[in-house]
Structure formats: structure tokens, C-alpha cells
């Protein structure tokens, strides 16, 4: 669960969507810091208070709809 005041961003956790999303964010100056590719949680040093959670692309819309993530990127 995220700390109060943090914004949770859901991103695809596998495959071509993950690679393309991470590359896009990095080009925008929003590099995702993930110590281990097997971790489901990460952060963005350029966006304090942003928690990144990696999920299956098909699950991301439901996470946003249910309020478990404020934002999501999926294909």
C-alpha cells in the first residue's frame, strides 16, 4: 500500500509494453528507478511522491477504476 500523499502510477510489468513505456518515460525525463526487474514497486527520482507499481496490462484499467492507482499506462 502506498504512503499517504503518494500518487500511484500503474505500468505494464512485462514484454514490449513495459520496454516501450519505460523508454517513453525516460525520454520525458521521468526515469523509473527499479532495483530488480522482479520487483513490483519502483519510484521516480524526478517525481517525489510518485509510486510506480508494475502489473499485467489487462489489470491496469481496473486498478485505476477502483482507485488503487491514480494513473495508468497500458496498450
PDB file of N, CA and C in Angstrom:
ATOM      1  N   UNK A   1       0.843  -1.186   0.000  1.00  0.00           N
ATOM      2  CA  UNK A   1       0.000   0.000   0.000  1.00  0.00           C
ATOM      3  C   UNK A   1       0.881   1.239   0.000  1.00  0.00           C
ATOM      4  N   UNK A   2       0.457   2.243  -0.712  1.00  0.00           N
ATOM      5  CA  UNK A   2       1.279   3.445  -0.806  1.00  0.00           C
ATOM      6  C   UNK A   2       1.102   4.335   0.418  1.00  0.00           C
ATOM      7  N   UNK A   3       2.132   5.119   0.684  1.00  0.00           N
ATOM      8  CA  UNK A   3       2.116   6.050   1.803  1.00  0.00           C
ATOM      9  C   UNK A   3       1.160   7.185   1.471  1.00  0.00           C
ATOM     10  N   UNK A   4       0.451   7.672   2.477  1.00  0.00           N
ATOM     11  CA  UNK A   4      -0.497   8.760   2.242  1.00  0.00           C
ATOM     12  C   UNK A   4       0.206   9.944   1.596  1.00  0.00           C
ATOM     13  N   UNK A   5      -0.388  10.499   0.582  1.00  0.00           N
ATOM     14  CA  UNK A   5       0.206  11.625  -0.131  1.00  0.00           C
ATOM     15  C   UNK A   5       0.952  11.208  -1.380  1.00  0.00           C
ATOM     16  N   UNK A   6       1.206   9.915  -1.538  1.00  0.00           N
ATOM     17  CA  UNK A   6       1.864   9.447  -2.749  1.00  0.00           C
ATOM     18  C   UNK A   6       0.834   9.178  -3.830  1.00  0.00           C
ATOM     19  N   UNK A   7       1.249   9.370  -5.053  1.00  0.00           N
ATOM     20  CA  UNK A   7       0.413   9.065  -6.214  1.00  0.00           C
ATOM     21  C   UNK A   7       0.926   7.762  -6.789  1.00  0.00           C
ATOM     22  N   UNK A   8       0.033   6.835  -7.050  1.00  0.00           N
ATOM     23  CA  UNK A   8       0.424   5.538  -7.598  1.00  0.00           C
ATOM     24  C   UNK A   8       0.184   5.513  -9.102  1.00  0.00           C
ATOM     25  N   UNK A   9       1.221   5.154  -9.840  1.00  0.00           N
ATOM     26  CA  UNK A   9       1.177   5.019 -11.292  1.00  0.00           C
ATOM     27  C   UNK A   9       1.335   3.545 -11.638  1.00  0.00           C
ATOM     28  N   UNK A  10       0.385   2.976 -12.341  1.00  0.00           N
ATOM     29  CA  UNK A  10       0.434   1.572 -12.745  1.00  0.00           C
ATOM     30  C   UNK A  10       0.993   1.470 -14.162  1.00  0.00           C
ATOM     31  N   UNK A  11       2.011   0.621 -14.311  1.00  0.00           N
ATOM     32  CA  UNK A  11       2.660   0.410 -15.605  1.00  0.00           C
ATOM     33  C   UNK A  11       2.661  -1.069 -15.949  1.00  0.00           C
ATOM     34  N   UNK A  12       2.714  -1.388 -17.252  1.00  0.00           N
ATOM     35  CA  UNK A  12       2.814  -2.791 -17.658  1.00  0.00           C
ATOM     36  C   UNK A  12       4.105  -3.401 -17.127  1.00  0.00           C
ATOM     37  N   UNK A  13       4.013  -4.613 -16.620  1.00  0.00           N
ATOM     38  CA  UNK A  13       5.158  -5.247 -15.977  1.00  0.00           C
ATOM     39  C   UNK A  13       5.928  -6.232 -16.823  1.00  0.00           C
ATOM     40  N   UNK A  14       5.532  -6.462 -18.063  1.00  0.00           N
ATOM     41  CA  UNK A  14       6.241  -7.450 -18.885  1.00  0.00           C
ATOM     42  C   UNK A  14       6.165  -7.074 -20.363  1.00  0.00           C
ATOM     43  N   UNK A  15       7.107  -7.602 -21.089  1.00  0.00           N
ATOM     44  CA  UNK A  15       7.055  -7.568 -22.537  1.00  0.00           C
ATOM     45  C   UNK A  15       7.330  -6.232 -23.200  1.00  0.00           C
ATOM     46  N   UNK A  16       6.849  -6.151 -24.434  1.00  0.00           N
ATOM     47  CA  UNK A  16       7.109  -4.979 -25.268  1.00  0.00           C
ATOM     48  C   UNK A  16       6.466  -3.721 -24.699  1.00  0.00           C
ATOM     49  N   UNK A  17       5.290  -3.850 -24.078  1.00  0.00           N
ATOM     50  CA  UNK A  17       4.644  -2.677 -23.488  1.00  0.00           C
ATOM     51  C   UNK A  17       5.474  -2.098 -22.348  1.00  0.00           C
ATOM     52  N   UNK A  18       6.063  -2.962 -21.544  1.00  0.00           N
ATOM     53  CA  UNK A  18       6.911  -2.481 -20.449  1.00  0.00           C
ATOM     54  C   UNK A  18       8.111  -1.724 -21.000  1.00  0.00           C
ATOM     55  N   UNK A  19       8.818  -2.327 -21.943  1.00  0.00           N
ATOM     56  CA  UNK A  19      10.017  -1.696 -22.504  1.00  0.00           C
ATOM     57  C   UNK A  19       9.690  -0.365 -23.172  1.00  0.00           C
ATOM     58  N   UNK A  20       8.623  -0.331 -23.960  1.00  0.00           N
ATOM     59  CA  UNK A  20       8.253   0.899 -24.656  1.00  0.00           C
ATOM     60  C   UNK A  20       7.820   1.989 -23.670  1.00  0.00           C
ATOM     61  N   UNK A  21       7.088   1.607 -22.638  1.00  0.00           N
ATOM     62  CA  UNK A  21       6.623   2.577 -21.643  1.00  0.00           C
ATOM     63  C   UNK A  21       7.791   3.164 -20.866  1.00  0.00           C
ATOM     64  N   UNK A  22       8.711   2.310 -20.421  1.00  0.00           N
ATOM     65  CA  UNK A  22       9.874   2.793 -19.669  1.00  0.00           C
ATOM     66  C   UNK A  22      10.758   3.687 -20.532  1.00  0.00           C
ATOM     67  N   UNK A  23      10.911   3.339 -21.808  1.00  0.00           N
ATOM     68  CA  UNK A  23      11.698   4.176 -22.718  1.00  0.00           C
ATOM     69  C   UNK A  23      11.027   5.529 -22.931  1.00  0.00           C
ATOM     70  N   UNK A  24       9.717   5.518 -23.123  1.00  0.00           N
ATOM     71  CA  UNK A  24       8.968   6.763 -23.301  1.00  0.00           C
ATOM     72  C   UNK A  24       9.108   7.672 -22.079  1.00  0.00           C
ATOM     73  N   UNK A  25       8.907   7.108 -20.892  1.00  0.00           N
ATOM     74  CA  UNK A  25       9.012   7.905 -19.670  1.00  0.00           C
ATOM     75  C   UNK A  25      10.425   8.455 -19.490  1.00  0.00           C
ATOM     76  N   UNK A  26      11.445   7.648 -19.781  1.00  0.00           N
ATOM     77  CA  UNK A  26      12.832   8.104 -19.657  1.00  0.00           C
ATOM     78  C   UNK A  26      13.112   9.267 -20.610  1.00  0.00           C
ATOM     79  N   UNK A  27      12.584   9.187 -21.839  1.00  0.00           N
ATOM     80  CA  UNK A  27      12.762  10.277 -22.807  1.00  0.00           C
ATOM     81  C   UNK A  27      12.070  11.563 -22.348  1.00  0.00           C
ATOM     82  N   UNK A  28      11.058  11.420 -21.500  1.00  0.00           N
ATOM     83  CA  UNK A  28      10.342  12.578 -20.959  1.00  0.00           C
ATOM     84  C   UNK A  28      10.986  13.090 -19.670  1.00  0.00           C
ATOM     85  N   UNK A  29      12.104  12.485 -19.276  1.00  0.00           N
ATOM     86  CA  UNK A  29      12.778  12.886 -18.041  1.00  0.00           C
ATOM     87  C   UNK A  29      12.174  12.263 -16.800  1.00  0.00           C
ATOM     88  N   UNK A  30      11.421  11.182 -16.975  1.00  0.00           N
ATOM     89  CA  UNK A  30      10.751  10.505 -15.867  1.00  0.00           C
ATOM     90  C   UNK A  30      11.259   9.071 -15.733  1.00  0.00           C
ATOM     91  N   UNK A  31      12.565   8.935 -15.499  1.00  0.00           N
ATOM     92  CA  UNK A  31      13.165   7.603 -15.405  1.00  0.00           C
ATOM     93  C   UNK A  31      12.632   6.854 -14.190  1.00  0.00           C
ATOM     94  N   UNK A  32      12.221   5.619 -14.417  1.00  0.00           N
ATOM     95  CA  UNK A  32      11.719   4.769 -13.345  1.00  0.00           C
ATOM     96  C   UNK A  32      12.898   4.037 -12.716  1.00  0.00           C
ATOM     97  N   UNK A  33      13.024   4.154 -11.400  1.00  0.00           N
ATOM     98  CA  UNK A  33      14.110   3.508 -10.654  1.00  0.00           C
ATOM     99  C   UNK A  33      13.597   2.204 -10.062  1.00  0.00           C
ATOM    100  N   UNK A  34      14.036   1.112 -10.657  1.00  0.00           N
ATOM    101  CA  UNK A  34      13.618  -0.233 -10.240  1.00  0.00           C
ATOM    102  C   UNK A  34      14.887  -1.042 -10.035  1.00  0.00           C
ATOM    103  N   UNK A  35      15.218  -1.358  -8.783  1.00  0.00           N
ATOM    104  CA  UNK A  35      16.469  -2.040  -8.461  1.00  0.00           C
ATOM    105  C   UNK A  35      16.551  -3.434  -9.045  1.00  0.00           C
ATOM    106  N   UNK A  36      15.445  -4.124  -9.084  1.00  0.00           N
ATOM    107  CA  UNK A  36      15.414  -5.508  -9.526  1.00  0.00           C
ATOM    108  C   UNK A  36      14.222  -5.668 -10.470  1.00  0.00           C
ATOM    109  N   UNK A  37      14.420  -6.248 -11.649  1.00  0.00           N
ATOM    110  CA  UNK A  37      13.297  -6.385 -12.593  1.00  0.00           C
ATOM    111  C   UNK A  37      12.171  -7.283 -12.074  1.00  0.00           C
ATOM    112  N   UNK A  38      12.403  -7.991 -10.985  1.00  0.00           N
ATOM    113  CA  UNK A  38      11.371  -8.849 -10.415  1.00  0.00           C
ATOM    114  C   UNK A  38      10.526  -8.117  -9.374  1.00  0.00           C
ATOM    115  N   UNK A  39      10.919  -6.900  -9.026  1.00  0.00           N
ATOM    116  CA  UNK A  39      10.152  -6.113  -8.063  1.00  0.00           C
ATOM    117  C   UNK A  39       8.908  -5.539  -8.722  1.00  0.00           C
ATOM    118  N   UNK A  40       7.858  -5.413  -7.944  1.00  0.00           N
ATOM    119  CA  UNK A  40       6.613  -4.837  -8.451  1.00  0.00           C
ATOM    120  C   UNK A  40       6.484  -3.354  -8.135  1.00  0.00           C
ATOM    121  N   UNK A  41       7.336  -2.841  -7.239  1.00  0.00           N
ATOM    122  CA  UNK A  41       7.287  -1.432  -6.861  1.00  0.00           C
ATOM    123  C   UNK A  41       8.557  -0.723  -7.277  1.00  0.00           C
ATOM    124  N   UNK A  42       8.408   0.527  -7.673  1.00  0.00           N
ATOM    125  CA  UNK A  42       9.555   1.348  -8.066  1.00  0.00           C
ATOM    126  C   UNK A  42       9.225   2.801  -7.756  1.00  0.00           C
ATOM    127  N   UNK A  43      10.161   3.674  -8.074  1.00  0.00           N
ATOM    128  CA  UNK A  43       9.954   5.099  -7.834  1.00  0.00           C
ATOM    129  C   UNK A  43      10.521   5.892  -9.002  1.00  0.00           C
ATOM    130  N   UNK A  44      10.277   7.188  -8.974  1.00  0.00           N
ATOM    131  CA  UNK A  44      10.833   8.123  -9.951  1.00  0.00           C
ATOM    132  C   UNK A  44      11.523   9.221  -9.154  1.00  0.00           C
ATOM    133  N   UNK A  45      12.838   9.329  -9.295  1.00  0.00           N
ATOM    134  CA  UNK A  45      13.555  10.344  -8.524  1.00  0.00           C
ATOM    135  C   UNK A  45      13.154  11.762  -8.947  1.00  0.00           C
ATOM    136  N   UNK A  46      12.714  11.926 -10.187  1.00  0.00           N
ATOM    137  CA  UNK A  46      12.310  13.257 -10.660  1.00  0.00           C
ATOM    138  C   UNK A  46      10.892  13.634 -10.227  1.00  0.00           C
ATOM    139  N   UNK A  47      10.163  12.679  -9.668  1.00  0.00           N
ATOM    140  CA  UNK A  47       8.781  12.929  -9.228  1.00  0.00           C
ATOM    141  C   UNK A  47       8.619  12.416  -7.796  1.00  0.00           C
ATOM    142  N   UNK A  48       9.011  13.240  -6.844  1.00  0.00           N
ATOM    143  CA  UNK A  48       8.852  12.833  -5.446  1.00  0.00           C
ATOM    144  C   UNK A  48       7.378  12.592  -5.156  1.00  0.00           C
ATOM    145  N   UNK A  49       7.104  11.547  -4.419  1.00  0.00           N
ATOM    146  CA  UNK A  49       5.721  11.226  -4.091  1.00  0.00           C
ATOM    147  C   UNK A  49       5.034  10.354  -5.114  1.00  0.00           C
ATOM    148  N   UNK A  50       5.764   9.917  -6.139  1.00  0.00           N
ATOM    149  CA  UNK A  50       5.193   9.044  -7.163  1.00  0.00           C
ATOM    150  C   UNK A  50       5.652   7.617  -6.892  1.00  0.00           C
ATOM    151  N   UNK A  51       4.698   6.730  -6.664  1.00  0.00           N
ATOM    152  CA  UNK A  51       4.994   5.311  -6.504  1.00  0.00           C
ATOM    153  C   UNK A  51       4.594   4.612  -7.797  1.00  0.00           C
ATOM    154  N   UNK A  52       5.474   3.794  -8.327  1.00  0.00           N
ATOM    155  CA  UNK A  52       5.200   3.064  -9.559  1.00  0.00           C
ATOM    156  C   UNK A  52       4.960   1.609  -9.202  1.00  0.00           C
ATOM    157  N   UNK A  53       3.887   1.056  -9.716  1.00  0.00           N
ATOM    158  CA  UNK A  53       3.560  -0.340  -9.492  1.00  0.00           C
ATOM    159  C   UNK A  53       3.448  -1.018 -10.860  1.00  0.00           C
ATOM    160  N   UNK A  54       4.104  -2.163 -10.995  1.00  0.00           N
ATOM    161  CA  UNK A  54       4.084  -2.919 -12.249  1.00  0.00           C
ATOM    162  C   UNK A  54       3.033  -4.023 -12.149  1.00  0.00           C
ATOM    163  N   UNK A  55       2.140  -4.045 -13.138  1.00  0.00           N
ATOM    164  CA  UNK A  55       1.044  -5.004 -13.163  1.00  0.00           C
ATOM    165  C   UNK A  55       0.842  -5.524 -14.575  1.00  0.00           C
ATOM    166  N   UNK A  56       0.000  -6.548 -14.697  1.00  0.00           N
ATOM    167  CA  UNK A  56      -0.372  -7.009 -16.037  1.00  0.00           C
ATOM    168  C   UNK A  56      -1.140  -5.891 -16.722  1.00  0.00           C
ATOM    169  N   UNK A  57      -0.870  -5.704 -18.007  1.00  0.00           N
ATOM    170  CA  UNK A  57      -1.509  -4.619 -18.757  1.00  0.00           C
ATOM    171  C   UNK A  57      -3.032  -4.701 -18.683  1.00  0.00           C
ATOM    172  N   UNK A  58      -3.572  -5.903 -18.710  1.00  0.00           N
ATOM    173  CA  UNK A  58      -5.023  -6.077 -18.672  1.00  0.00           C
ATOM    174  C   UNK A  58      -5.631  -5.683 -17.332  1.00  0.00           C
ATOM    175  N   UNK A  59      -4.826  -5.666 -16.253  1.00  0.00           N
ATOM    176  CA  UNK A  59      -5.328  -5.336 -14.923  1.00  0.00           C
ATOM    177  C   UNK A  59      -5.274  -3.842 -14.615  1.00  0.00           C
ATOM    178  N   UNK A  60      -4.542  -3.075 -15.399  1.00  0.00           N
ATOM    179  CA  UNK A  60      -4.325  -1.665 -15.098  1.00  0.00           C
ATOM    180  C   UNK A  60      -5.625  -0.847 -15.128  1.00  0.00           C
ATOM    181  N   UNK A  61      -6.506  -0.999 -16.109  1.00  0.00           N
ATOM    182  CA  UNK A  61      -7.747  -0.205 -16.081  1.00  0.00           C
ATOM    183  C   UNK A  61      -8.572  -0.431 -14.812  1.00  0.00           C
ATOM    184  N   UNK A  62      -8.633  -1.657 -14.330  1.00  0.00           N
ATOM    185  CA  UNK A  62      -9.394  -1.945 -13.109  1.00  0.00           C
ATOM    186  C   UNK A  62      -8.739  -1.299 -11.890  1.00  0.00           C
ATOM    187  N   UNK A  63      -7.406  -1.278 -11.848  1.00  0.00           N
ATOM    188  CA  UNK A  63      -6.714  -0.628 -10.730  1.00  0.00           C
ATOM    189  C   UNK A  63      -7.060   0.853 -10.665  1.00  0.00           C
ATOM    190  N   UNK A  64      -7.087   1.499 -11.812  1.00  0.00           N
ATOM    191  CA  UNK A  64      -7.420   2.926 -11.858  1.00  0.00           C
ATOM    192  C   UNK A  64      -8.900   3.130 -11.524  1.00  0.00           C
ATOM    193  N   UNK A  65      -9.764   2.309 -12.091  1.00  0.00           N
ATOM    194  CA  UNK A  65     -11.192   2.430 -11.836  1.00  0.00           C
ATOM    195  C   UNK A  65     -11.526   2.234 -10.353  1.00  0.00           C
ATOM    196  N   UNK A  66     -10.838   1.297  -9.699  1.00  0.00           N
ATOM    197  CA  UNK A  66     -11.096   1.014  -8.292  1.00  0.00           C
ATOM    198  C   UNK A  66     -10.389   1.975  -7.343  1.00  0.00           C
ATOM    199  N   UNK A  67      -9.551   2.862  -7.886  1.00  0.00           N
ATOM    200  CA  UNK A  67      -8.862   3.823  -7.044  1.00  0.00           C
ATOM    201  C   UNK A  67      -7.577   3.302  -6.428  1.00  0.00           C
ATOM    202  N   UNK A  68      -7.127   2.115  -6.840  1.00  0.00           N
ATOM    203  CA  UNK A  68      -5.881   1.564  -6.322  1.00  0.00           C
ATOM    204  C   UNK A  68      -4.665   2.199  -6.999  1.00  0.00           C
ATOM    205  N   UNK A  69      -4.878   2.861  -8.114  1.00  0.00           N
ATOM    206  CA  UNK A  69      -3.850   3.632  -8.807  1.00  0.00           C
ATOM    207  C   UNK A  69      -4.521   4.900  -9.328  1.00  0.00           C
ATOM    208  N   UNK A  70      -3.793   6.002  -9.253  1.00  0.00           N
ATOM    209  CA  UNK A  70      -4.349   7.271  -9.739  1.00  0.00           C
ATOM    210  C   UNK A  70      -4.221   7.387 -11.247  1.00  0.00           C
ATOM    211  N   UNK A  71      -3.164   6.796 -11.780  1.00  0.00           N
ATOM    212  CA  UNK A  71      -2.853   6.873 -13.211  1.00  0.00           C
ATOM    213  C   UNK A  71      -2.401   5.508 -13.696  1.00  0.00           C
ATOM    214  N   UNK A  72      -2.564   5.271 -14.983  1.00  0.00           N
ATOM    215  CA  UNK A  72      -2.092   4.021 -15.557  1.00  0.00           C
ATOM    216  C   UNK A  72      -1.771   4.194 -17.024  1.00  0.00           C
ATOM    217  N   UNK A  73      -0.804   3.426 -17.474  1.00  0.00           N
ATOM    218  CA  UNK A  73      -0.452   3.393 -18.895  1.00  0.00           C
ATOM    219  C   UNK A  73      -0.565   1.941 -19.329  1.00  0.00           C
ATOM    220  N   UNK A  74      -1.307   1.716 -20.397  1.00  0.00           N
ATOM    221  CA  UNK A  74      -1.469   0.365 -20.921  1.00  0.00           C
ATOM    222  C   UNK A  74      -1.723   0.459 -22.427  1.00  0.00           C
ATOM    223  N   UNK A  75      -1.758  -0.666 -23.092  1.00  0.00           N
ATOM    224  CA  UNK A  75      -1.956  -0.665 -24.530  1.00  0.00           C
ATOM    225  C   UNK A  75      -3.223  -1.328 -24.937  1.00  0.00           C
TER     226      UNK A  75
END
